[in-house]
Amino acid sequence: MKPFFSRLLKYYEDVGKVLRGEAEAAAIFPNSSDVGGSREQVYIDFLKQHAPSKCNIFQGGFIFDMAGNESRQMDVIVTTDTAPRFNFHNKSGDGKSFSPVEGTLGAFSIKSTLDKHQLFDALNGIASIPMTTDLKGRVNPLIKIREYDDWPLKVIYANNGISPRELWGHLHEFYATHDVPFSRRPNFIHVAGKYLIAKLSKRMVPTNEDGSESQATENTFWISSNKPDVQAIAWTIDALQSKAMQTNHIAFDYSEIVQSLAEAVKLETPATS
């Protein structure tokens, strides 16, 4: 292996240490809302330092579709640079922004400690993200947009958590009792310094702890404790970059927002005699 990749490995390990260290420092705040806001800001700073400049990154908000369906609140949202921004009431980052699902690249749920309750809360939030619509007529037929039904990237990140065996069991318990499409299940569950659970896609080649290639198949979950921060950071940034690049080939059209707004104006305008 070339020396550069050894240095890159060390770089991502250092990024992981900074993420953990700064999140732990955030815990000194006596107010739980201050802790949450600071923890999310740490993760936002990480994304801003590594995601492509094409990405807009917001703290707090929800995701909607053109029919007006809304997700539950997400802690961090990443959109493409051509998506409209609705951030006027979110100057303090307290969760009043919103974003159309068409053009949203990532949705992140950030937790201090990932236990069963917090996991179920995050899974329900991700499940509530509206579906993307078919790309027919909106992309050059010669261009292949990968797994658009699975957009946006969906990540659960926690600075600490229960054991991987316990979380693995709770994860499968949730989906045994909740009918959620694979496209609305998290791509990555990252407990810093401990483990990574990934929903496998065609592009991913997971390895076992001994370095051998895993036999886990697409659209199943895979778990690893082998340098989880490095793997989670690298795959997260790769996924955002890939999606940001692919949006160059999609003809996003947000005119339906204006049309629906016009209908709302009509409904709320009192009739004159």
Protein backbone atom coordinates (compact mmCIF):
# COMPACT_ATOMS: atom_id res chain seq x y z
CA MET A 1 0.00 0.00 0.00
CA LYS A 2 1.27 3.45 -0.90
CA PRO A 3 2.26 5.70 2.04
CA PHE A 4 -0.49 8.18 1.18
CA PHE A 5 -3.26 5.75 2.12
CA SER A 6 -1.59 5.02 5.45
CA ARG A 7 -1.60 8.77 6.10
CA LEU A 8 -5.24 9.00 4.99
CA LEU A 9 -6.15 6.20 7.39
CA LYS A 10 -4.43 8.09 10.21
CA TYR A 11 -6.20 11.28 9.12
CA TYR A 12 -9.66 9.69 9.42
CA GLU A 13 -8.69 8.16 12.77
CA ASP A 14 -7.76 11.65 13.97
CA VAL A 15 -11.05 13.08 12.68
CA GLY A 16 -12.89 10.39 14.64
CA LYS A 17 -10.97 11.30 17.80
CA VAL A 18 -11.85 14.97 17.35
CA LEU A 19 -15.53 14.11 16.85
CA ARG A 20 -15.55 12.08 20.05
CA GLY A 21 -13.51 14.57 22.03
CA GLU A 22 -15.52 17.64 21.07
CA ALA A 23 -18.82 15.83 21.66
CA GLU A 24 -17.64 14.83 25.14
CA ALA A 25 -16.66 18.45 25.80
CA ALA A 26 -20.21 19.51 24.84
CA ALA A 27 -21.54 17.46 27.75
CA ILE A 28 -20.30 20.09 30.24
CA PHE A 29 -23.40 22.20 29.49
CA PRO A 30 -25.96 21.92 32.31
CA ASN A 31 -28.94 22.39 29.98
CA SER A 32 -29.81 19.35 27.85
CA SER A 33 -30.86 21.54 24.92
CA ASP A 34 -27.45 23.23 25.00
CA VAL A 35 -25.78 19.82 24.99
CA GLY A 36 -27.82 18.73 21.98
CA GLY A 37 -27.20 21.92 20.04
CA SER A 38 -23.47 21.81 20.69
CA ARG A 39 -23.29 18.09 19.80
CA GLU A 40 -25.04 18.73 16.50
CA GLN A 41 -22.76 21.69 15.77
CA VAL A 42 -19.72 19.44 16.23
CA TYR A 43 -21.09 17.08 13.57
CA ILE A 44 -22.03 19.97 11.28
CA ASP A 45 -18.48 21.29 11.50
CA PHE A 46 -17.19 17.84 10.50
CA LEU A 47 -19.52 17.79 7.48
CA LYS A 48 -18.59 21.32 6.42
CA GLN A 49 -14.90 20.43 6.56
CA HIS A 50 -15.30 17.30 4.40
CA ALA A 51 -18.46 17.38 2.26
CA PRO A 52 -18.25 18.90 -1.25
CA SER A 53 -18.83 22.65 -1.47
CA LYS A 54 -21.94 21.84 -3.51
CA CYS A 55 -23.60 20.80 -0.23
CA ASN A 56 -25.68 23.13 1.93
CA ILE A 57 -25.74 21.99 5.56
CA PHE A 58 -28.46 22.98 8.04
CA GLN A 59 -28.92 22.33 11.73
CA GLY A 60 -32.45 21.22 12.54
CA GLY A 61 -35.53 21.01 10.37
CA PHE A 62 -37.84 18.71 8.45
CA ILE A 63 -38.09 17.33 4.92
CA PHE A 64 -41.21 17.63 2.74
CA ASP A 65 -42.39 16.44 -0.66
CA MET A 66 -44.39 18.26 -3.35
CA ALA A 67 -47.64 16.79 -2.02
CA GLY A 68 -47.01 18.45 1.34
CA ASN A 69 -46.04 15.34 3.31
CA GLU A 70 -43.53 16.13 6.05
CA SER A 71 -40.94 14.17 7.97
CA ARG A 72 -40.39 14.37 11.67
CA GLN A 73 -37.67 16.75 12.77
CA MET A 74 -34.15 15.83 11.67
CA ASP A 75 -31.08 17.11 13.53
CA VAL A 76 -28.97 17.87 10.45
CA ILE A 77 -30.01 18.17 6.78
CA VAL A 78 -27.73 18.37 3.73
CA THR A 79 -29.07 19.64 0.40
CA THR A 80 -27.70 20.29 -3.05
CA ASP A 81 -26.78 23.87 -3.94
CA THR A 82 -29.69 24.20 -6.41
CA ALA A 83 -32.43 23.29 -3.91
CA PRO A 84 -34.41 26.23 -2.51
CA ARG A 85 -33.55 27.11 1.07
CA PHE A 86 -36.12 27.94 3.75
CA ASN A 87 -33.84 29.02 6.57
CA PHE A 88 -35.21 32.45 7.55
CA HIS A 89 -36.45 31.26 10.96
CA ASN A 90 -33.50 29.02 11.66
CA LYS A 91 -30.77 31.54 12.41
CA SER A 92 -30.19 30.01 15.83
CA GLY A 93 -30.32 26.44 14.46
CA ASP A 94 -33.23 25.41 16.67
CA GLY A 95 -34.98 23.31 14.04
CA LYS A 96 -37.24 25.63 12.07
CA SER A 97 -35.73 25.07 8.63
CA PHE A 98 -37.24 22.76 6.01
CA SER A 99 -36.13 21.20 2.75
CA PRO A 100 -37.72 19.46 -0.26
CA VAL A 101 -36.85 15.76 -0.42
CA GLU A 102 -36.01 16.25 -4.11
CA GLY A 103 -32.55 17.77 -3.76
CA THR A 104 -31.91 16.61 -0.20
CA LEU A 105 -28.65 14.66 -0.05
CA GLY A 106 -28.46 13.67 3.61
CA ALA A 107 -30.52 13.46 6.79
CA PHE A 108 -28.79 12.91 10.13
CA SER A 109 -30.06 11.97 13.59
CA ILE A 110 -27.52 12.87 16.28
CA LYS A 111 -27.69 11.25 19.73
CA SER A 112 -25.58 11.47 22.89
CA THR A 113 -26.14 7.86 23.91
CA LEU A 114 -27.81 5.37 21.59
CA ASP A 115 -29.98 3.01 23.62
CA LYS A 116 -33.19 1.23 22.61
CA HIS A 117 -35.39 4.28 23.16
CA GLN A 118 -33.12 6.66 21.25
CA LEU A 119 -32.63 4.10 18.46
CA PHE A 120 -36.39 3.67 17.97
CA ASP A 121 -36.83 7.45 17.99
CA ALA A 122 -34.19 7.85 15.27
CA LEU A 123 -35.58 4.96 13.19
CA ASN A 124 -39.08 6.43 13.33
CA GLY A 125 -37.73 9.81 12.26
CA ILE A 126 -35.91 8.33 9.27
CA ALA A 127 -38.96 6.24 8.32
CA SER A 128 -41.02 9.45 8.15
CA ILE A 129 -38.90 10.99 5.34
CA PRO A 130 -41.15 11.29 2.25
CA MET A 131 -40.28 9.15 -0.75
CA THR A 132 -38.52 10.59 -3.80
CA THR A 133 -40.42 10.48 -7.09
CA ASP A 134 -39.49 8.64 -10.26
CA LEU A 135 -36.79 10.32 -12.35
CA LYS A 136 -38.47 9.54 -15.68
CA GLY A 137 -38.22 12.57 -17.95
CA ARG A 138 -35.90 14.38 -15.54
CA VAL A 139 -32.57 12.79 -16.39
CA ASN A 140 -30.66 11.94 -19.55
CA PRO A 141 -31.44 8.27 -20.31
CA LEU A 142 -27.72 7.71 -20.93
CA ILE A 143 -26.97 8.69 -17.33
CA LYS A 144 -27.46 6.14 -14.56
CA ILE A 145 -28.54 7.65 -11.24
CA ARG A 146 -27.78 5.09 -8.56
CA GLU A 147 -30.47 4.00 -6.10
CA TYR A 148 -32.43 7.27 -6.23
CA ASP A 149 -35.31 5.69 -4.33
CA ASP A 150 -32.91 5.37 -1.38
CA TRP A 151 -32.07 9.09 -1.32
CA PRO A 152 -31.27 10.96 0.86
CA LEU A 153 -28.37 9.39 2.75
CA LYS A 154 -29.70 8.53 6.22
CA VAL A 155 -27.28 8.42 9.16
CA ILE A 156 -27.69 7.88 12.89
CA TYR A 157 -24.62 9.09 14.80
CA ALA A 158 -24.02 8.77 18.54
CA ASN A 159 -21.06 9.57 20.74
CA ASN A 160 -21.84 6.55 22.93
CA GLY A 161 -24.19 3.61 22.95
CA ILE A 162 -25.17 0.20 24.26
CA SER A 163 -23.26 -2.86 23.16
CA PRO A 164 -23.32 -3.80 19.47
CA ARG A 165 -25.09 -7.08 20.27
CA GLU A 166 -27.88 -5.25 22.13
CA LEU A 167 -28.31 -2.59 19.45
CA TRP A 168 -28.29 -5.23 16.69
CA GLY A 169 -31.11 -7.03 18.46
CA HIS A 170 -33.16 -3.86 18.97
CA LEU A 171 -32.65 -2.86 15.32
CA HIS A 172 -34.09 -6.13 14.06
CA GLU A 173 -36.85 -6.04 16.68
CA PHE A 174 -37.95 -2.65 15.35
CA TYR A 175 -38.23 -3.80 11.74
CA ALA A 176 -39.96 -7.03 12.79
CA THR A 177 -42.78 -4.90 14.19
CA HIS A 178 -42.70 -1.89 11.82
CA ASP A 179 -43.37 -2.13 8.09
CA VAL A 180 -40.74 0.25 6.72
CA PRO A 181 -39.38 0.12 3.14
CA PHE A 182 -35.65 -0.56 2.81
CA SER A 183 -35.33 2.87 1.23
CA ARG A 184 -36.43 4.46 4.51
CA ARG A 185 -34.06 2.58 6.75
CA PRO A 186 -30.71 4.12 7.85
CA ASN A 187 -27.70 3.68 5.63
CA PHE A 188 -25.31 3.99 8.57
CA ILE A 189 -25.59 3.73 12.34
CA HIS A 190 -22.30 4.98 13.76
CA VAL A 191 -21.49 4.77 17.45
CA ALA A 192 -18.21 6.62 17.71
CA GLY A 193 -15.20 4.53 18.55
CA LYS A 194 -17.29 1.39 19.03
CA TYR A 195 -19.07 0.06 15.95
CA LEU A 196 -20.70 0.75 12.61
CA ILE A 197 -23.89 -0.80 11.30
CA ALA A 198 -24.34 -0.31 7.55
CA LYS A 199 -27.19 -1.08 5.18
CA LEU A 200 -25.32 -2.64 2.31
CA SER A 201 -25.60 -1.28 -1.23
CA LYS A 202 -24.16 -2.47 -4.52
CA ARG A 203 -21.09 -0.24 -4.22
CA MET A 204 -20.03 -1.46 -0.79
CA VAL A 205 -17.61 -4.34 -0.27
CA PRO A 206 -17.70 -5.07 3.48
CA THR A 207 -14.97 -7.07 5.17
CA ASN A 208 -15.05 -9.31 8.21
CA GLU A 209 -12.99 -8.63 11.33
CA ASP A 210 -10.23 -10.92 9.98
CA GLY A 211 -10.01 -8.92 6.73
CA SER A 212 -11.86 -11.45 4.56
CA GLU A 213 -14.71 -10.36 2.33
CA SER A 214 -18.09 -10.55 4.02
CA GLN A 215 -20.86 -12.68 2.51
CA ALA A 216 -23.53 -10.20 3.65
CA THR A 217 -25.86 -9.28 0.79
CA GLU A 218 -27.37 -6.06 -0.56
CA ASN A 219 -30.18 -4.48 1.49
CA THR A 220 -29.20 -6.29 4.66
CA PHE A 221 -27.47 -4.82 7.68
CA TRP A 222 -23.81 -5.53 8.40
CA ILE A 223 -21.95 -4.68 11.60
CA SER A 224 -18.27 -4.04 12.24
CA SER A 225 -16.09 -2.96 15.16
CA ASN A 226 -12.98 -2.74 12.97
CA LYS A 227 -11.96 0.94 12.84
CA PRO A 228 -15.64 2.01 12.83
CA ASP A 229 -14.89 5.75 12.76
CA VAL A 230 -12.68 5.44 9.68
CA GLN A 231 -15.25 3.35 7.83
CA ALA A 232 -18.22 5.51 8.81
CA ILE A 233 -16.50 8.80 7.98
CA ALA A 234 -15.16 7.57 4.64
CA TRP A 235 -18.46 6.05 3.50
CA THR A 236 -20.52 9.03 4.66
CA ILE A 237 -18.39 11.54 2.76
CA ASP A 238 -18.23 9.23 -0.28
CA ALA A 239 -22.03 8.93 -0.34
CA LEU A 240 -22.54 12.70 -0.09
CA GLN A 241 -19.98 13.34 -2.84
CA SER A 242 -21.58 10.74 -5.11
CA LYS A 243 -25.05 12.18 -4.63
CA ALA A 244 -23.84 15.77 -5.07
CA MET A 245 -22.16 14.80 -8.35
CA GLN A 246 -25.24 12.95 -9.62
CA THR A 247 -27.51 15.94 -9.00
CA ASN A 248 -25.70 17.69 -11.87
CA HIS A 249 -27.62 15.35 -14.20
CA ILE A 250 -31.09 15.68 -12.63
CA ALA A 251 -33.50 18.37 -13.81
CA PHE A 252 -34.98 19.34 -10.46
CA ASP A 253 -38.12 21.46 -10.75
CA TYR A 254 -39.62 23.10 -7.70
CA SER A 255 -42.46 24.95 -9.49
CA GLU A 256 -45.00 22.71 -7.76
CA ILE A 257 -44.14 24.54 -4.54
CA VAL A 258 -45.23 27.82 -6.11
CA GLN A 259 -48.39 26.24 -7.55
CA SER A 260 -49.36 24.76 -4.19
CA LEU A 261 -48.62 28.07 -2.53
CA ALA A 262 -50.97 29.79 -4.98
CA GLU A 263 -53.70 27.32 -4.03
CA ALA A 264 -53.08 28.06 -0.36
CA VAL A 265 -53.40 31.78 -1.06
CA LYS A 266 -56.78 31.21 -2.74
CA LEU A 267 -58.06 29.14 0.19
CA GLU A 268 -56.99 31.70 2.77
CA THR A 269 -58.17 34.77 0.86
CA PRO A 270 -61.65 35.80 2.10
CA ALA A 271 -64.28 36.12 -0.61
CA THR A 272 -65.47 39.67 -1.35
CA SER A 273 -69.08 40.49 -2.05
